C-alpha atoms as a PDB file:
ATOM      1  CA  UNK A   1     -24.850 -58.092  19.416  1.00  0.00           C
ATOM      2  CA  UNK A   2     -26.550 -54.829  20.298  1.00  0.00           C
ATOM      3  CA  UNK A   3     -25.337 -52.096  17.902  1.00  0.00           C
ATOM      4  CA  UNK A   4     -24.451 -49.723  21.260  1.00  0.00           C
ATOM      5  CA  UNK A   5     -21.955 -52.653  22.602  1.00  0.00           C
ATOM      6  CA  UNK A   6     -20.394 -52.718  19.363  1.00  0.00           C
ATOM      7  CA  UNK A   7     -19.640 -49.092  19.448  1.00  0.00           C
ATOM      8  CA  UNK A   8     -18.530 -49.036  22.715  1.00  0.00           C
ATOM      9  CA  UNK A   9     -16.271 -51.856  21.746  1.00  0.00           C
ATOM     10  CA  UNK A  10     -14.722 -49.721  19.139  1.00  0.00           C
ATOM     11  CA  UNK A  11     -14.537 -46.359  20.508  1.00  0.00           C
ATOM     12  CA  UNK A  12     -12.824 -47.956  23.607  1.00  0.00           C
ATOM     13  CA  UNK A  13     -10.307 -49.349  21.433  1.00  0.00           C
ATOM     14  CA  UNK A  14      -9.903 -46.098  19.344  1.00  0.00           C
ATOM     15  CA  UNK A  15      -9.638 -44.012  21.811  1.00  0.00           C
ATOM     16  CA  UNK A  16      -7.169 -45.827  24.039  1.00  0.00           C
ATOM     17  CA  UNK A  17      -4.475 -46.114  20.978  1.00  0.00           C
ATOM     18  CA  UNK A  18      -5.250 -42.259  19.759  1.00  0.00           C
ATOM     19  CA  UNK A  19      -4.231 -41.624  23.370  1.00  0.00           C
ATOM     20  CA  UNK A  20      -0.585 -43.785  22.711  1.00  0.00           C
ATOM     21  CA  UNK A  21      -0.219 -42.148  19.610  1.00  0.00           C
ATOM     22  CA  UNK A  22      -0.381 -38.653  21.413  1.00  0.00           C
ATOM     23  CA  UNK A  23       1.803 -39.186  24.140  1.00  0.00           C
ATOM     24  CA  UNK A  24       3.939 -40.870  21.041  1.00  0.00           C
ATOM     25  CA  UNK A  25       4.568 -37.578  19.267  1.00  0.00           C
ATOM     26  CA  UNK A  26       4.666 -35.172  22.186  1.00  0.00           C
ATOM     27  CA  UNK A  27       7.847 -37.669  23.487  1.00  0.00           C
ATOM     28  CA  UNK A  28       9.078 -36.933  19.984  1.00  0.00           C
ATOM     29  CA  UNK A  29       8.949 -33.226  19.760  1.00  0.00           C
ATOM     30  CA  UNK A  30      10.258 -33.236  23.381  1.00  0.00           C
ATOM     31  CA  UNK A  31      13.592 -35.282  22.130  1.00  0.00           C
ATOM     32  CA  UNK A  32      13.926 -33.254  18.580  1.00  0.00           C
ATOM     33  CA  UNK A  33      13.660 -30.214  20.713  1.00  0.00           C
ATOM     34  CA  UNK A  34      15.878 -30.907  22.954  1.00  0.00           C
ATOM     35  CA  UNK A  35      18.435 -30.790  20.142  1.00  0.00           C
ATOM     36  CA  UNK A  36      20.951 -28.123  19.586  1.00  0.00           C
ATOM     37  CA  UNK A  37      19.691 -25.018  17.295  1.00  0.00           C
ATOM     38  CA  UNK A  38      22.311 -26.145  15.071  1.00  0.00           C
ATOM     39  CA  UNK A  39      20.697 -29.747  14.219  1.00  0.00           C
ATOM     40  CA  UNK A  40      17.115 -28.715  14.543  1.00  0.00           C
ATOM     41  CA  UNK A  41      16.876 -24.680  12.929  1.00  0.00           C
ATOM     42  CA  UNK A  42      14.284 -22.329  13.210  1.00  0.00           C
ATOM     43  CA  UNK A  43      11.210 -25.069  12.678  1.00  0.00           C
ATOM     44  CA  UNK A  44       8.644 -25.105  15.106  1.00  0.00           C
ATOM     45  CA  UNK A  45       7.954 -28.450  16.387  1.00  0.00           C
ATOM     46  CA  UNK A  46       4.921 -27.312  18.931  1.00  0.00           C
ATOM     47  CA  UNK A  47       2.977 -26.148  15.439  1.00  0.00           C
ATOM     48  CA  UNK A  48       3.677 -29.269  13.436  1.00  0.00           C
ATOM     49  CA  UNK A  49       2.971 -32.002  16.706  1.00  0.00           C
ATOM     50  CA  UNK A  50      -0.593 -30.244  17.133  1.00  0.00           C
ATOM     51  CA  UNK A  51      -0.810 -29.883  13.044  1.00  0.00           C
ATOM     52  CA  UNK A  52      -0.059 -34.077  13.517  1.00  0.00           C
ATOM     53  CA  UNK A  53      -2.857 -34.834  16.372  1.00  0.00           C
ATOM     54  CA  UNK A  54      -5.480 -33.223  13.648  1.00  0.00           C
ATOM     55  CA  UNK A  55      -7.177 -30.152  15.991  1.00  0.00           C
ATOM     56  CA  UNK A  56      -4.770 -27.036  14.348  1.00  0.00           C
ATOM     57  CA  UNK A  57      -8.156 -25.164  14.365  1.00  0.00           C
ATOM     58  CA  UNK A  58      -9.209 -25.666  18.128  1.00  0.00           C
ATOM     59  CA  UNK A  59      -5.523 -25.353  19.194  1.00  0.00           C
ATOM     60  CA  UNK A  60      -5.495 -21.652  17.714  1.00  0.00           C
ATOM     61  CA  UNK A  61      -9.145 -20.902  19.067  1.00  0.00           C
ATOM     62  CA  UNK A  62      -7.790 -21.354  22.393  1.00  0.00           C
ATOM     63  CA  UNK A  63      -4.134 -20.260  22.403  1.00  0.00           C
ATOM     64  CA  UNK A  64      -2.114 -17.871  20.431  1.00  0.00           C
ATOM     65  CA  UNK A  65       1.115 -19.350  20.342  1.00  0.00           C
ATOM     66  CA  UNK A  66       2.296 -23.367  19.602  1.00  0.00           C
ATOM     67  CA  UNK A  67       4.933 -23.467  22.201  1.00  0.00           C
ATOM     68  CA  UNK A  68       6.169 -26.386  24.662  1.00  0.00           C
ATOM     69  CA  UNK A  69       3.613 -24.917  27.322  1.00  0.00           C
ATOM     70  CA  UNK A  70       0.823 -24.120  25.277  1.00  0.00           C
ATOM     71  CA  UNK A  71       1.100 -27.738  23.349  1.00  0.00           C
ATOM     72  CA  UNK A  72       1.596 -29.705  26.284  1.00  0.00           C
ATOM     73  CA  UNK A  73      -1.227 -28.993  28.323  1.00  0.00           C
ATOM     74  CA  UNK A  74      -3.667 -28.890  25.303  1.00  0.00           C
ATOM     75  CA  UNK A  75      -2.908 -32.368  24.059  1.00  0.00           C
ATOM     76  CA  UNK A  76      -2.335 -34.098  27.021  1.00  0.00           C
ATOM     77  CA  UNK A  77      -4.645 -32.446  30.011  1.00  0.00           C
ATOM     78  CA  UNK A  78      -7.125 -30.049  28.723  1.00  0.00           C
ATOM     79  CA  UNK A  79     -10.358 -30.531  29.505  1.00  0.00           C
ATOM     80  CA  UNK A  80     -11.291 -28.426  26.989  1.00  0.00           C
ATOM     81  CA  UNK A  81      -9.742 -30.829  23.986  1.00  0.00           C
ATOM     82  CA  UNK A  82     -12.020 -33.810  23.369  1.00  0.00           C
ATOM     83  CA  UNK A  83      -8.697 -35.648  22.035  1.00  0.00           C
ATOM     84  CA  UNK A  84      -6.724 -35.077  24.873  1.00  0.00           C
ATOM     85  CA  UNK A  85      -4.472 -37.780  26.550  1.00  0.00           C
ATOM     86  CA  UNK A  86      -6.512 -37.291  29.615  1.00  0.00           C
ATOM     87  CA  UNK A  87     -10.356 -37.149  27.562  1.00  0.00           C
ATOM     88  CA  UNK A  88      -9.305 -40.130  25.743  1.00  0.00           C
ATOM     89  CA  UNK A  89      -8.882 -42.013  28.662  1.00  0.00           C
ATOM     90  CA  UNK A  90     -11.619 -40.698  30.446  1.00  0.00           C
ATOM     91  CA  UNK A  91     -14.220 -42.119  27.442  1.00  0.00           C
ATOM     92  CA  UNK A  92     -12.542 -45.028  27.419  1.00  0.00           C
ATOM     93  CA  UNK A  93     -13.234 -45.666  30.785  1.00  0.00           C
ATOM     94  CA  UNK A  94     -16.774 -44.397  29.827  1.00  0.00           C
ATOM     95  CA  UNK A  95     -16.940 -46.813  26.941  1.00  0.00           C
ATOM     96  CA  UNK A  96     -15.624 -49.839  28.676  1.00  0.00           C
ATOM     97  CA  UNK A  97     -18.009 -49.121  32.283  1.00  0.00           C
ATOM     98  CA  UNK A  98     -20.716 -49.571  29.650  1.00  0.00           C
ATOM     99  CA  UNK A  99     -20.291 -52.609  27.975  1.00  0.00           C
ATOM    100  CA  UNK A 100     -18.111 -54.466  31.431  1.00  0.00           C
ATOM    101  CA  UNK A 101     -19.957 -57.716  30.626  1.00  0.00           C
ATOM    102  CA  UNK A 102     -18.177 -57.660  27.330  1.00  0.00           C
ATOM    103  CA  UNK A 103     -15.071 -57.156  28.890  1.00  0.00           C
ATOM    104  CA  UNK A 104     -12.582 -59.780  30.383  1.00  0.00           C
ATOM    105  CA  UNK A 105     -11.363 -58.667  34.110  1.00  0.00           C
ATOM    106  CA  UNK A 106      -7.904 -58.486  32.667  1.00  0.00           C
ATOM    107  CA  UNK A 107      -9.345 -55.588  30.072  1.00  0.00           C
ATOM    108  CA  UNK A 108     -11.334 -53.773  32.747  1.00  0.00           C
ATOM    109  CA  UNK A 109      -8.652 -53.767  35.055  1.00  0.00           C
ATOM    110  CA  UNK A 110      -6.209 -52.528  33.278  1.00  0.00           C
ATOM    111  CA  UNK A 111      -8.607 -49.762  31.593  1.00  0.00           C
ATOM    112  CA  UNK A 112     -10.013 -48.421  34.969  1.00  0.00           C
ATOM    113  CA  UNK A 113      -6.382 -48.616  36.868  1.00  0.00           C
ATOM    114  CA  UNK A 114      -5.018 -46.104  33.921  1.00  0.00           C
ATOM    115  CA  UNK A 115      -7.789 -43.440  34.670  1.00  0.00           C
ATOM    116  CA  UNK A 116      -7.610 -43.985  38.757  1.00  0.00           C
ATOM    117  CA  UNK A 117      -3.518 -43.945  38.584  1.00  0.00           C
ATOM    118  CA  UNK A 118      -4.066 -40.666  35.918  1.00  0.00           C
ATOM    119  CA  UNK A 119      -5.683 -38.439  38.539  1.00  0.00           C
ATOM    120  CA  UNK A 120      -2.458 -38.975  40.565  1.00  0.00           C
ATOM    121  CA  UNK A 121      -0.754 -37.063  37.608  1.00  0.00           C
ATOM    122  CA  UNK A 122      -2.273 -33.648  38.205  1.00  0.00           C
ATOM    123  CA  UNK A 123      -3.074 -31.195  35.567  1.00  0.00           C
ATOM    124  CA  UNK A 124       0.631 -30.213  34.759  1.00  0.00           C
ATOM    125  CA  UNK A 125       3.706 -31.944  35.297  1.00  0.00           C
ATOM    126  CA  UNK A 126       6.452 -30.500  37.558  1.00  0.00           C
ATOM    127  CA  UNK A 127       9.011 -31.091  35.051  1.00  0.00           C
ATOM    128  CA  UNK A 128      10.319 -32.373  32.277  1.00  0.00           C
ATOM    129  CA  UNK A 129      11.703 -35.716  33.500  1.00  0.00           C
ATOM    130  CA  UNK A 130       7.794 -35.735  35.149  1.00  0.00           C
ATOM    131  CA  UNK A 131       6.342 -35.380  31.891  1.00  0.00           C
ATOM    132  CA  UNK A 132       8.205 -37.377  30.355  1.00  0.00           C
ATOM    133  CA  UNK A 133       7.721 -40.707  32.962  1.00  0.00           C
ATOM    134  CA  UNK A 134       3.751 -39.733  31.909  1.00  0.00           C
ATOM    135  CA  UNK A 135       4.086 -39.901  28.477  1.00  0.00           C
ATOM    136  CA  UNK A 136       5.964 -43.579  29.076  1.00  0.00           C
ATOM    137  CA  UNK A 137       3.323 -44.230  31.443  1.00  0.00           C
ATOM    138  CA  UNK A 138       0.382 -43.512  28.759  1.00  0.00           C
ATOM    139  CA  UNK A 139       2.329 -45.925  26.525  1.00  0.00           C
ATOM    140  CA  UNK A 140       2.522 -48.626  28.761  1.00  0.00           C
ATOM    141  CA  UNK A 141      -0.886 -48.151  29.717  1.00  0.00           C
ATOM    142  CA  UNK A 142      -2.279 -48.563  26.390  1.00  0.00           C
ATOM    143  CA  UNK A 143       0.116 -51.319  25.815  1.00  0.00           C
ATOM    144  CA  UNK A 144      -1.471 -53.125  28.682  1.00  0.00           C
ATOM    145  CA  UNK A 145      -4.754 -52.731  27.630  1.00  0.00           C
ATOM    146  CA  UNK A 146      -3.968 -53.997  23.787  1.00  0.00           C
ATOM    147  CA  UNK A 147      -2.183 -56.985  25.604  1.00  0.00           C
ATOM    148  CA  UNK A 148      -5.202 -58.318  27.696  1.00  0.00           C
ATOM    149  CA  UNK A 149      -7.577 -57.898  25.054  1.00  0.00           C
ATOM    150  CA  UNK A 150      -5.185 -59.798  22.470  1.00  0.00           C
ATOM    151  CA  UNK A 151      -4.550 -62.215  25.297  1.00  0.00           C
ATOM    152  CA  UNK A 152      -7.952 -62.583  26.953  1.00  0.00           C
ATOM    153  CA  UNK A 153     -10.760 -62.244  24.553  1.00  0.00           C
ATOM    154  CA  UNK A 154     -12.906 -64.978  22.782  1.00  0.00           C
ATOM    155  CA  UNK A 155     -12.441 -64.508  18.965  1.00  0.00           C
ATOM    156  CA  UNK A 156     -16.400 -63.133  18.607  1.00  0.00           C
ATOM    157  CA  UNK A 157     -17.541 -60.047  17.280  1.00  0.00           C
ATOM    158  CA  UNK A 158     -16.439 -57.925  20.715  1.00  0.00           C
ATOM    159  CA  UNK A 159     -12.666 -58.513  19.588  1.00  0.00           C
ATOM    160  CA  UNK A 160     -13.319 -57.688  16.078  1.00  0.00           C
ATOM    161  CA  UNK A 161     -14.961 -54.523  16.738  1.00  0.00           C
ATOM    162  CA  UNK A 162     -12.359 -53.532  19.042  1.00  0.00           C
ATOM    163  CA  UNK A 163      -9.604 -54.811  16.563  1.00  0.00           C
ATOM    164  CA  UNK A 164     -10.843 -52.252  13.670  1.00  0.00           C
ATOM    165  CA  UNK A 165     -11.077 -49.699  16.199  1.00  0.00           C
ATOM    166  CA  UNK A 166      -7.573 -49.596  16.745  1.00  0.00           C
ATOM    167  CA  UNK A 167      -6.184 -50.470  13.043  1.00  0.00           C
ATOM    168  CA  UNK A 168      -8.703 -47.366  11.864  1.00  0.00           C
ATOM    169  CA  UNK A 169      -6.867 -45.006  14.242  1.00  0.00           C
ATOM    170  CA  UNK A 170      -3.615 -46.400  13.794  1.00  0.00           C
ATOM    171  CA  UNK A 171      -3.992 -45.819   9.623  1.00  0.00           C
ATOM    172  CA  UNK A 172      -5.053 -42.310  10.573  1.00  0.00           C
ATOM    173  CA  UNK A 173      -2.562 -41.382  12.966  1.00  0.00           C
ATOM    174  CA  UNK A 174       0.378 -42.951  10.944  1.00  0.00           C
ATOM    175  CA  UNK A 175      -0.765 -40.935   7.911  1.00  0.00           C
ATOM    176  CA  UNK A 176      -1.225 -37.938  10.098  1.00  0.00           C
ATOM    177  CA  UNK A 177       2.594 -37.734  11.189  1.00  0.00           C
ATOM    178  CA  UNK A 178       3.726 -38.751   7.946  1.00  0.00           C
ATOM    179  CA  UNK A 179       2.066 -35.893   6.188  1.00  0.00           C
ATOM    180  CA  UNK A 180       3.396 -33.235   8.738  1.00  0.00           C
ATOM    181  CA  UNK A 181       6.688 -34.227   8.420  1.00  0.00           C
ATOM    182  CA  UNK A 182       7.241 -34.270   4.634  1.00  0.00           C
ATOM    183  CA  UNK A 183       4.633 -30.932   3.572  1.00  0.00           C
ATOM    184  CA  UNK A 184       5.066 -29.220   6.859  1.00  0.00           C
ATOM    185  CA  UNK A 185       7.949 -29.142   8.976  1.00  0.00           C
ATOM    186  CA  UNK A 186      11.011 -29.022   6.646  1.00  0.00           C
ATOM    187  CA  UNK A 187      11.718 -25.292   5.635  1.00  0.00           C
ATOM    188  CA  UNK A 188      12.044 -24.579   1.570  1.00  0.00           C
ATOM    189  CA  UNK A 189      15.635 -23.633   2.072  1.00  0.00           C
ATOM    190  CA  UNK A 190      16.850 -26.521   4.389  1.00  0.00           C
ATOM    191  CA  UNK A 191      18.653 -29.278   2.457  1.00  0.00           C
ATOM    192  CA  UNK A 192      16.724 -32.364   2.084  1.00  0.00           C
ATOM    193  CA  UNK A 193      19.401 -35.222   3.325  1.00  0.00           C
ATOM    194  CA  UNK A 194      20.882 -32.480   5.738  1.00  0.00           C
ATOM    195  CA  UNK A 195      21.366 -32.634   9.673  1.00  0.00           C
ATOM    196  CA  UNK A 196      17.472 -31.420  10.429  1.00  0.00           C
ATOM    197  CA  UNK A 197      16.085 -33.509   7.944  1.00  0.00           C
ATOM    198  CA  UNK A 198      17.630 -36.522   9.443  1.00  0.00           C
ATOM    199  CA  UNK A 199      17.202 -36.024  13.132  1.00  0.00           C
ATOM    200  CA  UNK A 200      13.215 -34.874  11.565  1.00  0.00           C
ATOM    201  CA  UNK A 201      13.096 -38.435  10.176  1.00  0.00           C
ATOM    202  CA  UNK A 202      14.790 -39.906  12.779  1.00  0.00           C
ATOM    203  CA  UNK A 203      11.847 -38.752  15.517  1.00  0.00           C
ATOM    204  CA  UNK A 204       9.382 -40.154  13.463  1.00  0.00           C
ATOM    205  CA  UNK A 205      10.684 -43.588  13.526  1.00  0.00           C
ATOM    206  CA  UNK A 206      10.742 -43.366  16.710  1.00  0.00           C
ATOM    207  CA  UNK A 207       7.220 -42.090  17.582  1.00  0.00           C
ATOM    208  CA  UNK A 208       6.108 -44.709  15.795  1.00  0.00           C
ATOM    209  CA  UNK A 209       8.756 -47.489  17.058  1.00  0.00           C
ATOM    210  CA  UNK A 210      10.189 -48.313  13.916  1.00  0.00           C
ATOM    211  CA  UNK A 211      13.878 -47.223  13.450  1.00  0.00           C
ATOM    212  CA  UNK A 212      15.087 -50.168  14.715  1.00  0.00           C
ATOM    213  CA  UNK A 213      12.735 -51.532  12.107  1.00  0.00           C
ATOM    214  CA  UNK A 214      14.075 -49.253   9.380  1.00  0.00           C
ATOM    215  CA  UNK A 215      17.732 -50.630   9.785  1.00  0.00           C
ATOM    216  CA  UNK A 216      16.699 -54.069   9.742  1.00  0.00           C
ATOM    217  CA  UNK A 217      14.812 -53.985   6.801  1.00  0.00           C
ATOM    218  CA  UNK A 218      16.758 -51.407   4.421  1.00  0.00           C
ATOM    219  CA  UNK A 219      20.301 -51.273   5.967  1.00  0.00           C
ATOM    220  CA  UNK A 220      21.410 -47.763   5.303  1.00  0.00           C
ATOM    221  CA  UNK A 221      21.048 -44.254   6.325  1.00  0.00           C
ATOM    222  CA  UNK A 222      17.864 -42.444   6.711  1.00  0.00           C
ATOM    223  CA  UNK A 223      15.836 -41.901   2.966  1.00  0.00           C
ATOM    224  CA  UNK A 224      12.807 -40.002   3.201  1.00  0.00           C
ATOM    225  CA  UNK A 225      11.654 -42.402   0.395  1.00  0.00           C
ATOM    226  CA  UNK A 226      12.535 -45.436   2.077  1.00  0.00           C
ATOM    227  CA  UNK A 227      10.831 -44.324   5.623  1.00  0.00           C
ATOM    228  CA  UNK A 228       7.739 -43.623   3.814  1.00  0.00           C
ATOM    229  CA  UNK A 229       7.706 -46.774   2.265  1.00  0.00           C
ATOM    230  CA  UNK A 230       8.134 -48.389   6.055  1.00  0.00           C
ATOM    231  CA  UNK A 231       5.653 -46.534   6.939  1.00  0.00           C
ATOM    232  CA  UNK A 232       3.097 -46.760   4.044  1.00  0.00           C
ATOM    233  CA  UNK A 233       3.577 -50.120   1.777  1.00  0.00           C
ATOM    234  CA  UNK A 234       5.696 -52.625   3.934  1.00  0.00           C
ATOM    235  CA  UNK A 235       2.943 -55.247   5.636  1.00  0.00           C
ATOM    236  CA  UNK A 236       5.633 -55.960   8.268  1.00  0.00           C
ATOM    237  CA  UNK A 237       5.804 -53.098   9.722  1.00  0.00           C
ATOM    238  CA  UNK A 238       2.506 -53.332  12.499  1.00  0.00           C
ATOM    239  CA  UNK A 239       1.897 -49.482  12.059  1.00  0.00           C
ATOM    240  CA  UNK A 240       2.286 -48.754   8.274  1.00  0.00           C
ATOM    241  CA  UNK A 241      -0.832 -48.107   6.359  1.00  0.00           C
ATOM    242  CA  UNK A 242      -0.296 -51.444   4.254  1.00  0.00           C
ATOM    243  CA  UNK A 243      -0.574 -53.464   7.911  1.00  0.00           C
ATOM    244  CA  UNK A 244      -3.469 -51.676   9.164  1.00  0.00           C
ATOM    245  CA  UNK A 245      -5.606 -52.099   6.484  1.00  0.00           C
ATOM    246  CA  UNK A 246      -5.172 -55.567   5.639  1.00  0.00           C
ATOM    247  CA  UNK A 247      -6.234 -56.618   9.628  1.00  0.00           C
ATOM    248  CA  UNK A 248      -8.898 -54.462   8.670  1.00  0.00           C
ATOM    249  CA  UNK A 249      -9.909 -56.642   5.799  1.00  0.00           C
ATOM    250  CA  UNK A 250      -9.462 -59.721   7.963  1.00  0.00           C
ATOM    251  CA  UNK A 251     -11.132 -58.690  11.044  1.00  0.00           C
ATOM    252  CA  UNK A 252     -14.428 -56.882   8.652  1.00  0.00           C
ATOM    253  CA  UNK A 253     -14.422 -59.949   6.973  1.00  0.00           C
ATOM    254  CA  UNK A 254     -14.475 -62.053  10.309  1.00  0.00           C
ATOM    255  CA  UNK A 255     -17.894 -59.906  11.118  1.00  0.00           C
ATOM    256  CA  UNK A 256     -19.822 -60.465   7.648  1.00  0.00           C
ATOM    257  CA  UNK A 257     -18.725 -64.179   8.140  1.00  0.00           C
ATOM    258  CA  UNK A 258     -20.251 -63.672  11.503  1.00  0.00           C
ATOM    259  CA  UNK A 259     -23.751 -62.002  10.788  1.00  0.00           C
ATOM    260  CA  UNK A 260     -23.544 -63.664   6.820  1.00  0.00           C
ATOM    261  CA  UNK A 261     -23.528 -60.862   5.015  1.00  0.00           C
ATOM    262  CA  UNK A 262     -21.010 -58.140   3.155  1.00  0.00           C
ATOM    263  CA  UNK A 263     -21.520 -54.577   2.971  1.00  0.00           C
ATOM    264  CA  UNK A 264     -19.857 -50.987   2.276  1.00  0.00           C
ATOM    265  CA  UNK A 265     -17.657 -51.120   5.002  1.00  0.00           C
ATOM    266  CA  UNK A 266     -15.684 -54.617   3.616  1.00  0.00           C
ATOM    267  CA  UNK A 267     -16.174 -52.852   0.297  1.00  0.00           C
ATOM    268  CA  UNK A 268     -14.384 -49.943   1.119  1.00  0.00           C
ATOM    269  CA  UNK A 269     -11.430 -51.508   2.927  1.00  0.00           C
ATOM    270  CA  UNK A 270     -11.049 -53.885   0.362  1.00  0.00           C
ATOM    271  CA  UNK A 271     -10.511 -51.085  -2.317  1.00  0.00           C
ATOM    272  CA  UNK A 272      -7.904 -49.129  -0.017  1.00  0.00           C
ATOM    273  CA  UNK A 273      -5.772 -52.381   0.496  1.00  0.00           C
ATOM    274  CA  UNK A 274      -6.293 -53.359  -3.127  1.00  0.00           C
ATOM    275  CA  UNK A 275      -4.795 -49.566  -4.056  1.00  0.00           C
ATOM    276  CA  UNK A 276      -1.667 -49.819  -1.232  1.00  0.00           C
ATOM    277  CA  UNK A 277      -0.742 -53.596  -2.944  1.00  0.00           C
ATOM    278  CA  UNK A 278      -0.578 -52.110  -6.295  1.00  0.00           C
ATOM    279  CA  UNK A 279       1.437 -49.234  -5.695  1.00  0.00           C
ATOM    280  CA  UNK A 280       5.388 -48.247  -5.613  1.00  0.00           C
ATOM    281  CA  UNK A 281       6.638 -45.813  -4.259  1.00  0.00           C
ATOM    282  CA  UNK A 282       8.336 -43.992  -7.467  1.00  0.00           C
ATOM    283  CA  UNK A 283       4.207 -43.391  -8.414  1.00  0.00           C
ATOM    284  CA  UNK A 284       3.574 -41.902  -5.096  1.00  0.00           C
ATOM    285  CA  UNK A 285       6.289 -39.487  -4.758  1.00  0.00           C
ATOM    286  CA  UNK A 286       6.024 -38.894  -8.688  1.00  0.00           C
ATOM    287  CA  UNK A 287       2.074 -37.581  -7.744  1.00  0.00           C
ATOM    288  CA  UNK A 288       3.280 -36.148  -4.457  1.00  0.00           C
ATOM    289  CA  UNK A 289       3.224 -37.784  -1.027  1.00  0.00           C
ATOM    290  CA  UNK A 290       1.081 -35.182   0.415  1.00  0.00           C
ATOM    291  CA  UNK A 291      -1.514 -35.641  -2.119  1.00  0.00           C
ATOM    292  CA  UNK A 292      -1.397 -39.231  -1.698  1.00  0.00           C
ATOM    293  CA  UNK A 293      -2.228 -38.888   2.077  1.00  0.00           C
ATOM    294  CA  UNK A 294      -4.971 -36.331   1.923  1.00  0.00           C
ATOM    295  CA  UNK A 295      -6.473 -39.229  -0.262  1.00  0.00           C
ATOM    296  CA  UNK A 296      -5.562 -41.809   1.890  1.00  0.00           C
ATOM    297  CA  UNK A 297      -7.303 -40.012   4.876  1.00  0.00           C
ATOM    298  CA  UNK A 298     -10.317 -39.028   3.619  1.00  0.00           C
ATOM    299  CA  UNK A 299     -10.511 -42.831   2.278  1.00  0.00           C
ATOM    300  CA  UNK A 300     -10.057 -43.687   5.816  1.00  0.00           C
ATOM    301  CA  UNK A 301     -13.030 -41.419   7.244  1.00  0.00           C
ATOM    302  CA  UNK A 302     -14.954 -42.976   4.808  1.00  0.00           C
ATOM    303  CA  UNK A 303     -14.152 -46.621   6.306  1.00  0.00           C
ATOM    304  CA  UNK A 304     -15.243 -45.091   9.340  1.00  0.00           C
ATOM    305  CA  UNK A 305     -18.627 -43.655   8.130  1.00  0.00           C
ATOM    306  CA  UNK A 306     -19.309 -46.878   6.701  1.00  0.00           C
ATOM    307  CA  UNK A 307     -18.822 -48.648  10.014  1.00  0.00           C
ATOM    308  CA  UNK A 308     -20.699 -46.894  11.919  1.00  0.00           C
ATOM    309  CA  UNK A 309     -24.072 -46.898   9.342  1.00  0.00           C
ATOM    310  CA  UNK A 310     -23.463 -50.128   8.598  1.00  0.00           C
ATOM    311  CA  UNK A 311     -22.863 -51.479  12.197  1.00  0.00           C
ATOM    312  CA  UNK A 312     -23.105 -48.438  15.071  1.00  0.00           C
ATOM    313  CA  UNK A 313     -26.029 -46.969  13.918  1.00  0.00           C
END
């Protein structure tokens, strides 16, 4: 496979995954800010959403205040934000067009239809209800594309490159949303385990479709260390860091088998996965969850650089 084709497949999958993630955190923020002030206190959930999306410097270069209108526009519709939902779909479709012959007809139809339908939403929603429908549509469009890839693609290098794009992006997203909650969101004078803490953790679990899974696995009320355990170390949870790296190692090894050579990308993915397998939550909280996540995000970025240098450059 040409490196250009591999690059298009990789970034196509990453941008579709990113669009879904942005829709999920915006939906979670809307849900939390709709609660009475007695539950949510005076925290700025909209600022935390920008931090979680990883684009705070770009946002505050354009806007002076993180409020519902500004954050919604910047993360969902802004042409000035390279990672807005609108731009994610546009870049994904551009990548899909470049590798049209490597996609199945179902994959092309799903991403092309999503792009055409996106134009009908315009630049701003007319109401909260309309915006909620938009966010649900974004998630459904991403799931439709991912499902079409899973169910119709040959298991070859094109498929494997798209999978490593999905899981590299998903790992980064899960780590960022965990970090924002634990390190930035809860005020210093707020009681851990109190109403604000509970609804924020519940919002995060909903944003990664894990609230029901949490109760199935732990069968008790929400506790920060158990939420972190589910989203970091539990390989049964599809969006956990451990699950993402299990899949990254597997698909990178398949690419290595196809091309007959291991490289820095395989080694970096295996190092991170082994570390996650040997960790316990007690050790993570003793050294600091924020510090652990910062290191993980840096290591995940290193993997992306290794993949680019090894296969996409």
